[in-house]
């Protein structure tokens, strides 16, 4: 083979290698573009899932004082104390919610109500459950049409949501506690069940047998790994345990909160993008927030600020109550214990 022929073969091989490298580079670039597009679509989809209510504008300045935020750089995570009203809505809207809860498709009440207080530093928290049967004075609440609801005394706490939605629920909680609710989060039946399923279920231990015809849950005493529908049934169970009151159900709901936190900690979401998206889609698809948390960016920022919060550092308590004098099937706040509890959260 002559020198010219050898040089020609090497040139052709070099050309082929160059073409292969170019093709590989184009393929990688295409994958990168597709990945970026998919990530952008996923972000848009999750962001678009979230529904919000402008509670701050609706309530104005006639509210408890807002805590002064700690001075941090814009890129730093917030560390100041925070109070969040979390409601589990028994909404019957949509086929999934109707299948899980039944009932009137036009009605909704706050089946579960918790004030979540994050301590300064956000490494500890207190979750206060408010029995839905608690009799309260419901303040006048603004309505979307410009009117307002009438003040109501001796009415059940969960009626506030029924007559005035999230705005009235927040105003009622602030009126009875004198604690500013910095944020509002609401998740419905279907969203809770989907979240549990997306996390792979939750493990709980029941101390007594449960057989509740209303929630359709039957469990023997012991440890169980529950799927989403079973966990929702447990959260709604009241007639199959204890004296059948709302206080027994609250104890189960508080147990579920800790089980969810433990499952989230045990699930390697950041190393499994598909599962992370599934969980995020389950949460945002059935979530209503105030306008301060109505974006994936803000929700992620809140979540990241809680990285040091473990299930063991979450204290669950129930608003101290006694039977209502006028109705033994209802309860009222027990003083001075209730006032002291709310004072500890200010």
Protein backbone atom coordinates (compact mmCIF):
# COMPACT_ATOMS: atom_id res chain seq x y z
CA UNK A 1 0.00 0.00 0.00
CA UNK A 2 1.39 3.34 -0.97
CA UNK A 3 1.66 6.24 1.46
CA UNK A 4 -1.10 8.07 -0.34
CA UNK A 5 -3.42 5.05 0.00
CA UNK A 6 -2.65 4.71 3.74
CA UNK A 7 -3.26 8.38 4.27
CA UNK A 8 -6.55 8.05 2.41
CA UNK A 9 -7.72 5.14 4.60
CA UNK A 10 -6.82 7.02 7.76
CA UNK A 11 -8.63 10.06 6.46
CA UNK A 12 -11.76 8.06 5.75
CA UNK A 13 -11.64 6.42 9.21
CA UNK A 14 -11.14 9.80 10.84
CA UNK A 15 -14.06 11.11 8.84
CA UNK A 16 -16.25 8.22 9.97
CA UNK A 17 -15.22 8.77 13.60
CA UNK A 18 -16.01 12.44 13.22
CA UNK A 19 -19.43 11.64 11.79
CA UNK A 20 -20.13 9.17 14.61
CA UNK A 21 -19.12 11.74 17.21
CA UNK A 22 -21.28 14.35 15.53
CA UNK A 23 -24.22 11.94 15.46
CA UNK A 24 -23.69 11.05 19.13
CA UNK A 25 -23.44 14.72 20.00
CA UNK A 26 -26.65 15.49 18.15
CA UNK A 27 -28.40 12.55 19.84
CA UNK A 28 -27.26 13.70 23.29
CA UNK A 29 -28.33 17.23 22.49
CA UNK A 30 -31.71 15.91 21.40
CA UNK A 31 -32.09 13.93 24.62
CA UNK A 32 -31.13 17.03 26.62
CA UNK A 33 -33.70 19.12 24.76
CA UNK A 34 -36.38 16.47 25.30
CA UNK A 35 -35.47 16.16 28.99
CA UNK A 36 -35.64 19.92 29.41
CA UNK A 37 -38.97 20.02 27.60
CA UNK A 38 -40.31 17.17 29.75
CA UNK A 39 -39.10 18.90 32.93
CA UNK A 40 -40.68 22.15 31.78
CA UNK A 41 -43.95 20.39 30.96
CA UNK A 42 -43.93 18.58 34.33
CA UNK A 43 -43.31 21.84 36.19
CA UNK A 44 -46.09 23.59 34.25
CA UNK A 45 -48.46 20.66 34.83
CA UNK A 46 -47.81 20.51 38.59
CA UNK A 47 -47.97 24.29 38.92
CA UNK A 48 -51.24 24.36 37.00
CA UNK A 49 -52.72 21.72 39.32
CA UNK A 50 -52.73 24.03 42.33
CA UNK A 51 -55.87 25.99 43.20
CA UNK A 52 -55.58 29.04 45.42
CA UNK A 53 -57.67 31.52 47.41
CA UNK A 54 -56.56 35.08 48.13
CA UNK A 55 -57.26 34.96 51.85
CA UNK A 56 -55.10 37.97 52.73
CA UNK A 57 -57.05 40.30 50.43
CA UNK A 58 -60.40 38.92 51.59
CA UNK A 59 -59.65 39.38 55.32
CA UNK A 60 -57.69 42.63 55.12
CA UNK A 61 -55.93 43.99 58.21
CA UNK A 62 -58.49 42.99 60.86
CA UNK A 63 -56.47 39.97 61.92
CA UNK A 64 -54.00 38.87 64.62
CA UNK A 65 -50.52 40.31 64.20
CA UNK A 66 -48.19 38.54 61.81
CA UNK A 67 -44.91 37.31 63.24
CA UNK A 68 -41.86 39.29 62.13
CA UNK A 69 -39.85 37.14 59.68
CA UNK A 70 -36.21 36.50 60.39
CA UNK A 71 -33.74 38.49 58.29
CA UNK A 72 -32.39 36.08 55.67
CA UNK A 73 -31.00 36.47 52.19
CA UNK A 74 -33.43 35.88 49.35
CA UNK A 75 -31.75 32.59 48.43
CA UNK A 76 -31.77 31.29 52.03
CA UNK A 77 -34.56 29.07 53.32
CA UNK A 78 -36.98 30.66 55.81
CA UNK A 79 -36.53 29.71 59.47
CA UNK A 80 -39.09 31.84 61.34
CA UNK A 81 -42.01 30.29 63.23
CA UNK A 82 -45.06 29.63 61.07
CA UNK A 83 -48.73 28.72 61.60
CA UNK A 84 -50.62 26.85 58.90
CA UNK A 85 -54.29 25.91 58.93
CA UNK A 86 -54.57 22.47 57.30
CA UNK A 87 -58.03 21.23 56.35
CA UNK A 88 -59.11 17.87 55.04
CA UNK A 89 -62.19 18.58 52.96
CA UNK A 90 -65.01 16.06 52.61
CA UNK A 91 -65.81 17.51 49.19
CA UNK A 92 -67.96 15.22 47.04
CA UNK A 93 -67.10 17.00 43.79
CA UNK A 94 -65.65 14.79 41.08
CA UNK A 95 -66.12 11.09 40.44
CA UNK A 96 -63.20 10.01 42.64
CA UNK A 97 -64.38 11.98 45.67
CA UNK A 98 -67.94 10.73 45.26
CA UNK A 99 -66.70 7.13 45.06
CA UNK A 100 -64.63 7.61 48.22
CA UNK A 101 -67.15 9.63 50.21
CA UNK A 102 -70.56 9.55 48.56
CA UNK A 103 -73.16 12.11 49.53
CA UNK A 104 -74.19 15.43 48.03
CA UNK A 105 -71.91 16.41 45.15
CA UNK A 106 -72.51 20.11 45.82
CA UNK A 107 -71.67 20.19 49.53
CA UNK A 108 -68.39 20.18 51.45
CA UNK A 109 -67.27 20.53 55.04
CA UNK A 110 -63.92 20.55 56.79
CA UNK A 111 -63.89 16.97 58.00
CA UNK A 112 -60.40 17.44 59.50
CA UNK A 113 -58.90 20.63 60.89
CA UNK A 114 -55.38 21.02 62.22
CA UNK A 115 -53.33 24.07 63.16
CA UNK A 116 -49.71 23.22 62.35
CA UNK A 117 -47.24 25.36 64.29
CA UNK A 118 -43.63 25.24 63.09
CA UNK A 119 -41.18 26.38 65.74
CA UNK A 120 -38.49 28.90 64.88
CA UNK A 121 -35.72 26.93 63.18
CA UNK A 122 -38.35 24.48 61.87
CA UNK A 123 -36.85 21.41 63.54
CA UNK A 124 -39.90 20.88 65.77
CA UNK A 125 -43.64 21.30 65.30
CA UNK A 126 -46.94 21.12 67.15
CA UNK A 127 -50.10 19.90 65.43
CA UNK A 128 -53.33 20.95 67.17
CA UNK A 129 -56.49 19.14 66.06
CA UNK A 130 -59.78 21.01 66.37
CA UNK A 131 -62.80 18.69 66.81
CA UNK A 132 -65.32 19.47 64.11
CA UNK A 133 -68.12 19.24 66.72
CA UNK A 134 -66.64 22.11 68.77
CA UNK A 135 -69.21 24.87 69.33
CA UNK A 136 -67.76 28.29 68.52
CA UNK A 137 -68.77 31.83 67.71
CA UNK A 138 -68.40 32.16 63.96
CA UNK A 139 -67.55 35.74 62.99
CA UNK A 140 -69.00 37.58 60.00
CA UNK A 141 -67.10 36.34 56.95
CA UNK A 142 -66.73 38.10 53.59
CA UNK A 143 -68.26 36.39 50.57
CA UNK A 144 -67.15 36.49 46.95
CA UNK A 145 -70.25 38.47 45.90
CA UNK A 146 -69.29 41.33 48.22
CA UNK A 147 -71.68 40.40 51.02
CA UNK A 148 -70.89 38.63 54.26
CA UNK A 149 -72.19 35.87 56.48
CA UNK A 150 -73.92 36.72 59.74
CA UNK A 151 -72.26 36.22 63.11
CA UNK A 152 -73.35 32.87 64.57
CA UNK A 153 -72.95 31.82 68.20
CA UNK A 154 -72.91 28.24 69.41
CA UNK A 155 -72.41 26.81 65.93
CA UNK A 156 -70.28 23.81 64.98
CA UNK A 157 -66.74 24.67 63.96
CA UNK A 158 -66.86 22.89 60.61
CA UNK A 159 -69.89 24.95 59.54
CA UNK A 160 -67.53 27.87 58.95
CA UNK A 161 -66.09 26.15 55.89
CA UNK A 162 -69.54 25.03 54.76
CA UNK A 163 -70.95 28.57 54.68
CA UNK A 164 -67.88 30.63 53.76
CA UNK A 165 -65.16 28.33 52.41
CA UNK A 166 -61.46 28.71 53.23
CA UNK A 167 -61.74 32.42 54.03
CA UNK A 168 -64.34 31.82 56.74
CA UNK A 169 -62.46 28.80 58.09
CA UNK A 170 -59.33 30.93 58.54
CA UNK A 171 -61.24 33.85 60.05
CA UNK A 172 -63.03 31.55 62.50
CA UNK A 173 -59.78 29.91 63.64
CA UNK A 174 -58.09 33.29 64.07
CA UNK A 175 -61.12 34.59 66.01
CA UNK A 176 -61.16 31.65 68.43
CA UNK A 177 -57.36 31.47 68.91
CA UNK A 178 -56.02 34.99 68.34
CA UNK A 179 -53.25 33.27 66.36
CA UNK A 180 -52.42 34.49 62.85
CA UNK A 181 -52.70 31.77 60.22
CA UNK A 182 -49.73 32.50 57.94
CA UNK A 183 -50.84 29.96 55.34
CA UNK A 184 -53.73 27.72 54.37
CA UNK A 185 -53.61 24.20 52.92
CA UNK A 186 -56.56 22.01 51.97
CA UNK A 187 -56.58 18.51 50.49
CA UNK A 188 -59.66 16.53 49.52
CA UNK A 189 -60.59 12.85 49.79
CA UNK A 190 -59.11 11.73 46.47
CA UNK A 191 -55.89 13.67 46.97
CA UNK A 192 -55.20 12.11 50.37
CA UNK A 193 -55.80 8.58 49.06
CA UNK A 194 -53.62 9.21 45.99
CA UNK A 195 -50.81 10.63 48.14
CA UNK A 196 -50.76 7.54 50.34
CA UNK A 197 -50.73 5.27 47.28
CA UNK A 198 -47.96 7.31 45.64
CA UNK A 199 -45.84 6.85 48.78
CA UNK A 200 -46.42 3.10 48.72
CA UNK A 201 -48.88 3.07 51.63
CA UNK A 202 -48.47 3.80 55.34
CA UNK A 203 -47.94 1.57 58.35
CA UNK A 204 -50.08 2.09 61.47
CA UNK A 205 -50.76 0.15 64.65
CA UNK A 206 -54.29 0.04 66.04
CA UNK A 207 -54.80 -0.76 69.72
CA UNK A 208 -58.32 -2.10 69.28
CA UNK A 209 -60.43 -3.79 66.64
CA UNK A 210 -62.14 -1.44 64.19
CA UNK A 211 -65.46 -2.20 62.54
CA UNK A 212 -67.09 0.96 61.20
CA UNK A 213 -70.01 0.58 58.78
CA UNK A 214 -69.87 4.28 57.85
CA UNK A 215 -66.18 4.34 56.83
CA UNK A 216 -66.37 0.73 55.57
CA UNK A 217 -63.23 -0.19 57.50
CA UNK A 218 -62.66 -3.45 59.36
CA UNK A 219 -59.28 -4.02 61.02
CA UNK A 220 -58.13 -6.28 63.81
CA UNK A 221 -55.98 -4.72 66.53
CA UNK A 222 -52.34 -4.77 65.46
CA UNK A 223 -49.97 -3.38 62.84
CA UNK A 224 -51.22 -2.89 59.30
CA UNK A 225 -49.82 -1.48 56.05
CA UNK A 226 -52.65 0.50 54.50
CA UNK A 227 -53.23 1.63 50.93
CA UNK A 228 -54.77 5.00 50.12
CA UNK A 229 -58.42 3.98 50.35
CA UNK A 230 -57.84 2.15 53.65
CA UNK A 231 -55.89 5.09 55.12
CA UNK A 232 -58.70 7.45 54.16
CA UNK A 233 -61.22 5.12 55.77
CA UNK A 234 -59.11 5.12 58.94
CA UNK A 235 -59.02 8.94 58.93
CA UNK A 236 -62.83 9.00 58.72
CA UNK A 237 -63.49 6.27 61.31
CA UNK A 238 -65.30 7.33 64.46
CA UNK A 239 -68.19 4.94 65.14
CA UNK A 240 -66.06 1.80 65.23
CA UNK A 241 -63.78 2.88 68.07
CA UNK A 242 -64.03 4.20 71.63
CA UNK A 243 -67.22 6.05 72.44
CA UNK A 244 -67.90 6.90 68.79
CA UNK A 245 -67.08 10.59 69.25
CA UNK A 246 -64.94 12.81 67.05
CA UNK A 247 -62.13 12.64 69.65
CA UNK A 248 -61.47 8.99 68.83
CA UNK A 249 -61.22 9.79 65.14
CA UNK A 250 -58.80 12.63 65.85
CA UNK A 251 -56.45 10.20 67.62
CA UNK A 252 -56.42 8.04 64.48
CA UNK A 253 -55.84 11.08 62.26
CA UNK A 254 -52.88 12.19 64.38
CA UNK A 255 -51.43 8.70 64.11
CA UNK A 256 -51.80 8.91 60.33
CA UNK A 257 -49.99 12.27 60.23
CA UNK A 258 -46.96 10.72 61.92
CA UNK A 259 -47.14 7.64 59.72
CA UNK A 260 -47.16 9.84 56.62
CA UNK A 261 -44.15 11.83 57.84
CA UNK A 262 -42.27 8.60 58.56
CA UNK A 263 -43.13 7.19 55.12
CA UNK A 264 -42.03 10.39 53.38
CA UNK A 265 -38.71 10.27 55.25
CA UNK A 266 -38.21 6.61 54.33
CA UNK A 267 -39.01 7.14 50.64
CA UNK A 268 -36.01 8.25 48.59
CA UNK A 269 -37.98 10.72 46.52
CA UNK A 270 -35.01 12.78 45.36
CA UNK A 271 -33.34 9.71 43.83
CA UNK A 272 -36.48 8.52 42.06
CA UNK A 273 -37.80 11.25 39.73
CA UNK A 274 -40.76 9.13 38.59
CA UNK A 275 -41.96 8.58 42.15
CA UNK A 276 -41.27 12.19 43.04
CA UNK A 277 -43.48 13.32 40.16
CA UNK A 278 -46.19 10.82 41.16
CA UNK A 279 -46.22 12.14 44.72
CA UNK A 280 -46.14 15.77 43.60
CA UNK A 281 -48.96 15.18 41.12
CA UNK A 282 -51.08 13.49 43.80
CA UNK A 283 -50.57 16.39 46.20
CA UNK A 284 -50.97 19.32 43.82
CA UNK A 285 -53.89 17.78 41.94
CA UNK A 286 -56.15 17.97 44.98
CA UNK A 287 -54.62 20.94 46.78
CA UNK A 288 -56.03 24.37 47.57
CA UNK A 289 -53.70 26.94 49.13
CA UNK A 290 -53.55 30.61 49.96
CA UNK A 291 -51.85 32.75 47.33
CA UNK A 292 -48.59 32.68 49.31
CA UNK A 293 -48.20 28.95 48.55
CA UNK A 294 -49.84 28.70 45.14
CA UNK A 295 -46.77 27.77 43.13
CA UNK A 296 -44.50 24.75 42.98
CA UNK A 297 -41.59 27.05 43.81
CA UNK A 298 -43.17 28.24 47.07
CA UNK A 299 -44.33 24.75 48.09
CA UNK A 300 -40.85 23.37 47.39
CA UNK A 301 -39.28 26.18 49.39
CA UNK A 302 -41.57 25.37 52.32
CA UNK A 303 -40.77 21.67 52.03
CA UNK A 304 -37.03 22.27 51.93
CA UNK A 305 -37.26 24.44 55.04
CA UNK A 306 -38.60 21.37 56.89
CA UNK A 307 -35.73 19.01 56.04
CA UNK A 308 -34.63 18.95 59.69
CA UNK A 309 -38.13 18.09 60.93
CA UNK A 310 -38.55 14.41 61.83
CA UNK A 311 -41.72 12.55 62.77
CA UNK A 312 -40.40 12.21 66.34
CA UNK A 313 -40.13 16.02 66.61
CA UNK A 314 -43.83 16.53 65.81
CA UNK A 315 -46.07 16.86 68.86
CA UNK A 316 -49.75 16.09 68.26
CA UNK A 317 -52.39 17.42 70.64
CA UNK A 318 -56.12 17.96 70.59
CA UNK A 319 -57.80 21.20 71.60
CA UNK A 320 -58.82 20.69 75.26
CA UNK A 321 -62.61 20.40 75.35
CA UNK A 322 -65.50 19.47 77.63
CA UNK A 323 -69.08 18.43 76.75
CA UNK A 324 -71.19 21.44 75.81
CA UNK A 325 -73.69 22.33 78.58
CA UNK A 326 -76.50 22.75 76.05
CA UNK A 327 -75.77 19.58 74.03
CA UNK A 328 -73.87 16.53 75.30
CA UNK A 329 -73.17 15.50 71.70
CA UNK A 330 -71.09 18.67 71.17
CA UNK A 331 -68.02 20.06 72.90
CA UNK A 332 -66.68 23.49 73.88
CA UNK A 333 -63.12 24.63 74.58
CA UNK A 334 -61.95 23.90 78.11
CA UNK A 335 -60.45 26.91 79.81
CA UNK A 336 -57.90 27.96 80.85
CA UNK A 337 -56.12 25.05 79.10
CA UNK A 338 -57.30 25.96 75.60
CA UNK A 339 -56.21 29.58 75.99
CA UNK A 340 -52.80 28.50 77.30
CA UNK A 341 -52.34 26.19 74.32
CA UNK A 342 -53.06 28.94 71.80
CA UNK A 343 -50.83 31.36 73.73
CA UNK A 344 -47.92 28.92 73.31
CA UNK A 345 -48.28 29.19 69.52
CA UNK A 346 -48.16 32.97 69.26
